[in-house]
């Protein structure tokens, strides 16, 4: 008894390039936002008091110690 099996390699579909770049950009933006809210303490957000206060309130909202 002879069974014939095809020895074709399994092909994994590659992730579409657009989806990959979208995910990468989303992760980068979220990482930057997390840095600005949690660790910045005004070093980058010196553009005015509005942005500084927004990030300060975000730290309080997320429970990150800032004082």
PDB file of N, CA and C in Angstrom:
ATOM      1  N   UNK A   1       0.836  -1.174   0.000  1.00  0.00           N
ATOM      2  CA  UNK A   1       0.000   0.000   0.000  1.00  0.00           C
ATOM      3  C   UNK A   1       0.875   1.229   0.000  1.00  0.00           C
ATOM      4  N   UNK A   2       0.637   1.964  -0.952  1.00  0.00           N
ATOM      5  CA  UNK A   2       1.433   3.161  -1.137  1.00  0.00           C
ATOM      6  C   UNK A   2       0.503   4.363  -1.080  1.00  0.00           C
ATOM      7  N   UNK A   3       0.814   5.275  -0.201  1.00  0.00           N
ATOM      8  CA  UNK A   3       0.015   6.504  -0.142  1.00  0.00           C
ATOM      9  C   UNK A   3       0.881   7.648  -0.622  1.00  0.00           C
ATOM     10  N   UNK A   4       0.324   8.402  -1.482  1.00  0.00           N
ATOM     11  CA  UNK A   4       1.089   9.528  -2.021  1.00  0.00           C
ATOM     12  C   UNK A   4       0.718  10.792  -1.257  1.00  0.00           C
ATOM     13  N   UNK A   5       1.701  11.398  -0.726  1.00  0.00           N
ATOM     14  CA  UNK A   5       1.489  12.679  -0.043  1.00  0.00           C
ATOM     15  C   UNK A   5       2.301  13.733  -0.782  1.00  0.00           C
ATOM     16  N   UNK A   6       1.716  14.854  -0.919  1.00  0.00           N
ATOM     17  CA  UNK A   6       2.431  15.928  -1.599  1.00  0.00           C
ATOM     18  C   UNK A   6       3.397  16.574  -0.606  1.00  0.00           C
ATOM     19  N   UNK A   7       4.548  16.830  -1.045  1.00  0.00           N
ATOM     20  CA  UNK A   7       5.558  17.422  -0.169  1.00  0.00           C
ATOM     21  C   UNK A   7       5.704  18.925  -0.434  1.00  0.00           C
ATOM     22  N   UNK A   8       4.578  19.580  -0.565  1.00  0.00           N
ATOM     23  CA  UNK A   8       4.598  21.017  -0.774  1.00  0.00           C
ATOM     24  C   UNK A   8       4.758  21.706   0.581  1.00  0.00           C
ATOM     25  N   UNK A   9       5.610  22.695   0.656  1.00  0.00           N
ATOM     26  CA  UNK A   9       5.795  23.396   1.932  1.00  0.00           C
ATOM     27  C   UNK A   9       4.542  24.195   2.289  1.00  0.00           C
ATOM     28  N   UNK A  10       4.300  24.306   3.579  1.00  0.00           N
ATOM     29  CA  UNK A  10       3.189  25.122   4.040  1.00  0.00           C
ATOM     30  C   UNK A  10       3.536  26.585   3.826  1.00  0.00           C
ATOM     31  N   UNK A  11       2.621  27.300   3.263  1.00  0.00           N
ATOM     32  CA  UNK A  11       2.846  28.716   2.976  1.00  0.00           C
ATOM     33  C   UNK A  11       1.991  29.528   3.933  1.00  0.00           C
ATOM     34  N   UNK A  12       2.663  30.373   4.699  1.00  0.00           N
ATOM     35  CA  UNK A  12       1.949  31.254   5.614  1.00  0.00           C
ATOM     36  C   UNK A  12       1.725  32.578   4.914  1.00  0.00           C
ATOM     37  N   UNK A  13       0.516  33.044   4.910  1.00  0.00           N
ATOM     38  CA  UNK A  13       0.276  34.331   4.253  1.00  0.00           C
ATOM     39  C   UNK A  13       0.970  35.452   5.019  1.00  0.00           C
ATOM     40  N   UNK A  14       1.653  36.279   4.306  1.00  0.00           N
ATOM     41  CA  UNK A  14       2.343  37.409   4.927  1.00  0.00           C
ATOM     42  C   UNK A  14       1.322  38.468   5.312  1.00  0.00           C
ATOM     43  N   UNK A  15       1.607  39.155   6.401  1.00  0.00           N
ATOM     44  CA  UNK A  15       0.720  40.233   6.829  1.00  0.00           C
ATOM     45  C   UNK A  15       0.788  41.344   5.792  1.00  0.00           C
ATOM     46  N   UNK A  16      -0.336  41.905   5.458  1.00  0.00           N
ATOM     47  CA  UNK A  16      -0.327  43.002   4.499  1.00  0.00           C
ATOM     48  C   UNK A  16       0.519  44.167   5.021  1.00  0.00           C
ATOM     49  N   UNK A  17       1.224  44.784   4.136  1.00  0.00           N
ATOM     50  CA  UNK A  17       2.143  45.857   4.509  1.00  0.00           C
ATOM     51  C   UNK A  17       1.399  47.022   5.154  1.00  0.00           C
ATOM     52  N   UNK A  18       0.255  47.355   4.632  1.00  0.00           N
ATOM     53  CA  UNK A  18      -0.514  48.478   5.190  1.00  0.00           C
ATOM     54  C   UNK A  18      -0.925  48.197   6.632  1.00  0.00           C
ATOM     55  N   UNK A  19      -1.361  46.985   6.906  1.00  0.00           N
ATOM     56  CA  UNK A  19      -1.752  46.616   8.269  1.00  0.00           C
ATOM     57  C   UNK A  19      -0.548  46.664   9.205  1.00  0.00           C
ATOM     58  N   UNK A  20       0.587  46.187   8.739  1.00  0.00           N
ATOM     59  CA  UNK A  20       1.796  46.197   9.550  1.00  0.00           C
ATOM     60  C   UNK A  20       2.207  47.619   9.909  1.00  0.00           C
ATOM     61  N   UNK A  21       2.198  48.525   8.924  1.00  0.00           N
ATOM     62  CA  UNK A  21       2.563  49.909   9.204  1.00  0.00           C
ATOM     63  C   UNK A  21       1.534  50.606  10.087  1.00  0.00           C
ATOM     64  N   UNK A  22       0.264  50.258   9.933  1.00  0.00           N
ATOM     65  CA  UNK A  22      -0.771  50.842  10.780  1.00  0.00           C
ATOM     66  C   UNK A  22      -0.576  50.425  12.232  1.00  0.00           C
ATOM     67  N   UNK A  23      -0.298  49.152  12.444  1.00  0.00           N
ATOM     68  CA  UNK A  23      -0.065  48.663  13.804  1.00  0.00           C
ATOM     69  C   UNK A  23       1.187  49.304  14.388  1.00  0.00           C
ATOM     70  N   UNK A  24       2.245  49.399  13.606  1.00  0.00           N
ATOM     71  CA  UNK A  24       3.485  50.008  14.068  1.00  0.00           C
ATOM     72  C   UNK A  24       3.281  51.480  14.429  1.00  0.00           C
ATOM     73  N   UNK A  25       2.567  52.213  13.605  1.00  0.00           N
ATOM     74  CA  UNK A  25       2.300  53.626  13.883  1.00  0.00           C
ATOM     75  C   UNK A  25       1.434  53.792  15.125  1.00  0.00           C
ATOM     76  N   UNK A  26       0.450  52.915  15.292  1.00  0.00           N
ATOM     77  CA  UNK A  26      -0.415  52.981  16.472  1.00  0.00           C
ATOM     78  C   UNK A  26       0.376  52.723  17.740  1.00  0.00           C
ATOM     79  N   UNK A  27       1.233  51.723  17.711  1.00  0.00           N
ATOM     80  CA  UNK A  27       2.067  51.419  18.879  1.00  0.00           C
ATOM     81  C   UNK A  27       3.004  52.586  19.180  1.00  0.00           C
ATOM     82  N   UNK A  28       3.574  53.206  18.159  1.00  0.00           N
ATOM     83  CA  UNK A  28       4.475  54.341  18.364  1.00  0.00           C
ATOM     84  C   UNK A  28       3.743  55.529  18.982  1.00  0.00           C
ATOM     85  N   UNK A  29       2.556  55.824  18.489  1.00  0.00           N
ATOM     86  CA  UNK A  29       1.778  56.950  19.022  1.00  0.00           C
ATOM     87  C   UNK A  29       1.362  56.677  20.463  1.00  0.00           C
ATOM     88  N   UNK A  30       0.919  55.462  20.752  1.00  0.00           N
ATOM     89  CA  UNK A  30       0.519  55.132  22.116  1.00  0.00           C
ATOM     90  C   UNK A  30       1.711  55.154  23.079  1.00  0.00           C
ATOM     91  N   UNK A  31       2.880  54.728  22.601  1.00  0.00           N
ATOM     92  CA  UNK A  31       4.079  54.781  23.437  1.00  0.00           C
ATOM     93  C   UNK A  31       4.466  56.227  23.726  1.00  0.00           C
ATOM     94  N   UNK A  32       4.406  57.083  22.718  1.00  0.00           N
ATOM     95  CA  UNK A  32       4.701  58.495  22.918  1.00  0.00           C
ATOM     96  C   UNK A  32       3.704  59.138  23.872  1.00  0.00           C
ATOM     97  N   UNK A  33       2.441  58.818  23.724  1.00  0.00           N
ATOM     98  CA  UNK A  33       1.421  59.360  24.608  1.00  0.00           C
ATOM     99  C   UNK A  33       1.623  58.892  26.049  1.00  0.00           C
ATOM    100  N   UNK A  34       1.960  57.606  26.217  1.00  0.00           N
ATOM    101  CA  UNK A  34       2.223  57.089  27.563  1.00  0.00           C
ATOM    102  C   UNK A  34       3.428  57.785  28.182  1.00  0.00           C
ATOM    103  N   UNK A  35       4.463  58.045  27.374  1.00  0.00           N
ATOM    104  CA  UNK A  35       5.628  58.773  27.886  1.00  0.00           C
ATOM    105  C   UNK A  35       5.241  60.190  28.309  1.00  0.00           C
ATOM    106  N   UNK A  36       4.495  60.883  27.442  1.00  0.00           N
ATOM    107  CA  UNK A  36       4.125  62.264  27.753  1.00  0.00           C
ATOM    108  C   UNK A  36       3.276  62.358  29.015  1.00  0.00           C
ATOM    109  N   UNK A  37       2.362  61.420  29.187  1.00  0.00           N
ATOM    110  CA  UNK A  37       1.483  61.480  30.347  1.00  0.00           C
ATOM    111  C   UNK A  37       2.203  61.019  31.611  1.00  0.00           C
ATOM    112  N   UNK A  38       2.954  59.924  31.527  1.00  0.00           N
ATOM    113  CA  UNK A  38       3.496  59.330  32.739  1.00  0.00           C
ATOM    114  C   UNK A  38       4.859  59.870  33.153  1.00  0.00           C
ATOM    115  N   UNK A  39       5.741  60.153  32.207  1.00  0.00           N
ATOM    116  CA  UNK A  39       7.122  60.425  32.583  1.00  0.00           C
ATOM    117  C   UNK A  39       7.658  61.786  32.170  1.00  0.00           C
ATOM    118  N   UNK A  40       6.922  62.547  31.418  1.00  0.00           N
ATOM    119  CA  UNK A  40       7.441  63.789  30.841  1.00  0.00           C
ATOM    120  C   UNK A  40       7.758  64.835  31.899  1.00  0.00           C
ATOM    121  N   UNK A  41       6.858  65.099  32.805  1.00  0.00           N
ATOM    122  CA  UNK A  41       7.004  66.099  33.870  1.00  0.00           C
ATOM    123  C   UNK A  41       7.346  67.493  33.325  1.00  0.00           C
ATOM    124  N   UNK A  42       6.928  67.792  32.102  1.00  0.00           N
ATOM    125  CA  UNK A  42       7.117  69.124  31.540  1.00  0.00           C
ATOM    126  C   UNK A  42       8.342  69.297  30.669  1.00  0.00           C
ATOM    127  N   UNK A  43       9.155  68.273  30.488  1.00  0.00           N
ATOM    128  CA  UNK A  43      10.369  68.419  29.684  1.00  0.00           C
ATOM    129  C   UNK A  43      10.055  68.636  28.212  1.00  0.00           C
ATOM    130  N   UNK A  44       9.106  67.887  27.666  1.00  0.00           N
ATOM    131  CA  UNK A  44       8.738  68.023  26.259  1.00  0.00           C
ATOM    132  C   UNK A  44       7.557  68.968  26.099  1.00  0.00           C
ATOM    133  N   UNK A  45       6.654  68.956  27.045  1.00  0.00           N
ATOM    134  CA  UNK A  45       5.417  69.745  26.923  1.00  0.00           C
ATOM    135  C   UNK A  45       5.604  71.171  27.432  1.00  0.00           C
ATOM    136  N   UNK A  46       6.665  71.822  27.016  1.00  0.00           N
ATOM    137  CA  UNK A  46       6.923  73.207  27.417  1.00  0.00           C
ATOM    138  C   UNK A  46       6.249  74.214  26.497  1.00  0.00           C
ATOM    139  N   UNK A  47       5.387  73.726  25.615  1.00  0.00           N
ATOM    140  CA  UNK A  47       4.780  74.629  24.640  1.00  0.00           C
ATOM    141  C   UNK A  47       3.735  75.552  25.258  1.00  0.00           C
ATOM    142  N   UNK A  48       3.405  75.349  26.492  1.00  0.00           N
ATOM    143  CA  UNK A  48       2.434  76.211  27.141  1.00  0.00           C
ATOM    144  C   UNK A  48       1.863  75.530  28.361  1.00  0.00           C
ATOM    145  N   UNK A  49       1.130  76.299  29.121  1.00  0.00           N
ATOM    146  CA  UNK A  49       0.589  75.740  30.355  1.00  0.00           C
ATOM    147  C   UNK A  49      -0.568  74.789  30.081  1.00  0.00           C
ATOM    148  N   UNK A  50      -1.273  74.966  28.966  1.00  0.00           N
ATOM    149  CA  UNK A  50      -2.423  74.110  28.674  1.00  0.00           C
ATOM    150  C   UNK A  50      -2.005  72.656  28.516  1.00  0.00           C
ATOM    151  N   UNK A  51      -0.973  72.415  27.702  1.00  0.00           N
ATOM    152  CA  UNK A  51      -0.513  71.046  27.477  1.00  0.00           C
ATOM    153  C   UNK A  51       0.081  70.463  28.756  1.00  0.00           C
ATOM    154  N   UNK A  52       0.816  71.267  29.493  1.00  0.00           N
ATOM    155  CA  UNK A  52       1.393  70.785  30.747  1.00  0.00           C
ATOM    156  C   UNK A  52       0.300  70.390  31.737  1.00  0.00           C
ATOM    157  N   UNK A  53      -0.701  71.220  31.868  1.00  0.00           N
ATOM    158  CA  UNK A  53      -1.797  70.914  32.792  1.00  0.00           C
ATOM    159  C   UNK A  53      -2.618  69.713  32.336  1.00  0.00           C
ATOM    160  N   UNK A  54      -2.780  69.561  31.016  1.00  0.00           N
ATOM    161  CA  UNK A  54      -3.501  68.401  30.488  1.00  0.00           C
ATOM    162  C   UNK A  54      -2.768  67.109  30.844  1.00  0.00           C
ATOM    163  N   UNK A  55      -1.449  67.101  30.662  1.00  0.00           N
ATOM    164  CA  UNK A  55      -0.666  65.921  31.004  1.00  0.00           C
ATOM    165  C   UNK A  55      -0.648  65.689  32.515  1.00  0.00           C
ATOM    166  N   UNK A  56      -0.602  66.770  33.287  1.00  0.00           N
ATOM    167  CA  UNK A  56      -0.621  66.653  34.743  1.00  0.00           C
ATOM    168  C   UNK A  56      -1.927  66.022  35.211  1.00  0.00           C
ATOM    169  N   UNK A  57      -3.031  66.474  34.654  1.00  0.00           N
ATOM    170  CA  UNK A  57      -4.329  65.897  35.011  1.00  0.00           C
ATOM    171  C   UNK A  57      -4.424  64.446  34.553  1.00  0.00           C
ATOM    172  N   UNK A  58      -3.812  64.118  33.420  1.00  0.00           N
ATOM    173  CA  UNK A  58      -3.782  62.736  32.952  1.00  0.00           C
ATOM    174  C   UNK A  58      -3.030  61.832  33.909  1.00  0.00           C
ATOM    175  N   UNK A  59      -1.936  62.334  34.480  1.00  0.00           N
ATOM    176  CA  UNK A  59      -1.200  61.549  35.472  1.00  0.00           C
ATOM    177  C   UNK A  59      -2.068  61.273  36.690  1.00  0.00           C
ATOM    178  N   UNK A  60      -2.787  62.287  37.149  1.00  0.00           N
ATOM    179  CA  UNK A  60      -3.684  62.081  38.287  1.00  0.00           C
ATOM    180  C   UNK A  60      -4.793  61.095  37.946  1.00  0.00           C
ATOM    181  N   UNK A  61      -5.335  61.212  36.749  1.00  0.00           N
ATOM    182  CA  UNK A  61      -6.413  60.318  36.329  1.00  0.00           C
ATOM    183  C   UNK A  61      -5.952  58.866  36.291  1.00  0.00           C
ATOM    184  N   UNK A  62      -4.712  58.616  35.812  1.00  0.00           N
ATOM    185  CA  UNK A  62      -4.191  57.255  35.698  1.00  0.00           C
ATOM    186  C   UNK A  62      -3.561  56.760  36.993  1.00  0.00           C
ATOM    187  N   UNK A  63      -3.443  57.615  37.994  1.00  0.00           N
ATOM    188  CA  UNK A  63      -2.869  57.190  39.266  1.00  0.00           C
ATOM    189  C   UNK A  63      -1.353  57.140  39.275  1.00  0.00           C
ATOM    190  N   UNK A  64      -0.716  57.844  38.325  1.00  0.00           N
ATOM    191  CA  UNK A  64       0.746  57.877  38.276  1.00  0.00           C
ATOM    192  C   UNK A  64       1.208  58.946  39.270  1.00  0.00           C
ATOM    193  N   UNK A  65       2.121  58.611  40.190  1.00  0.00           N
ATOM    194  CA  UNK A  65       2.578  59.629  41.153  1.00  0.00           C
ATOM    195  C   UNK A  65       3.374  60.721  40.451  1.00  0.00           C
ATOM    196  N   UNK A  66       3.054  61.950  40.756  1.00  0.00           N
ATOM    197  CA  UNK A  66       3.756  63.044  40.083  1.00  0.00           C
ATOM    198  C   UNK A  66       4.160  64.150  41.056  1.00  0.00           C
ATOM    199  N   UNK A  67       3.840  64.031  42.318  1.00  0.00           N
ATOM    200  CA  UNK A  67       4.238  65.068  43.291  1.00  0.00           C
ATOM    201  C   UNK A  67       5.189  64.466  44.267  1.00  0.00           C
TER     202      UNK A  67
END
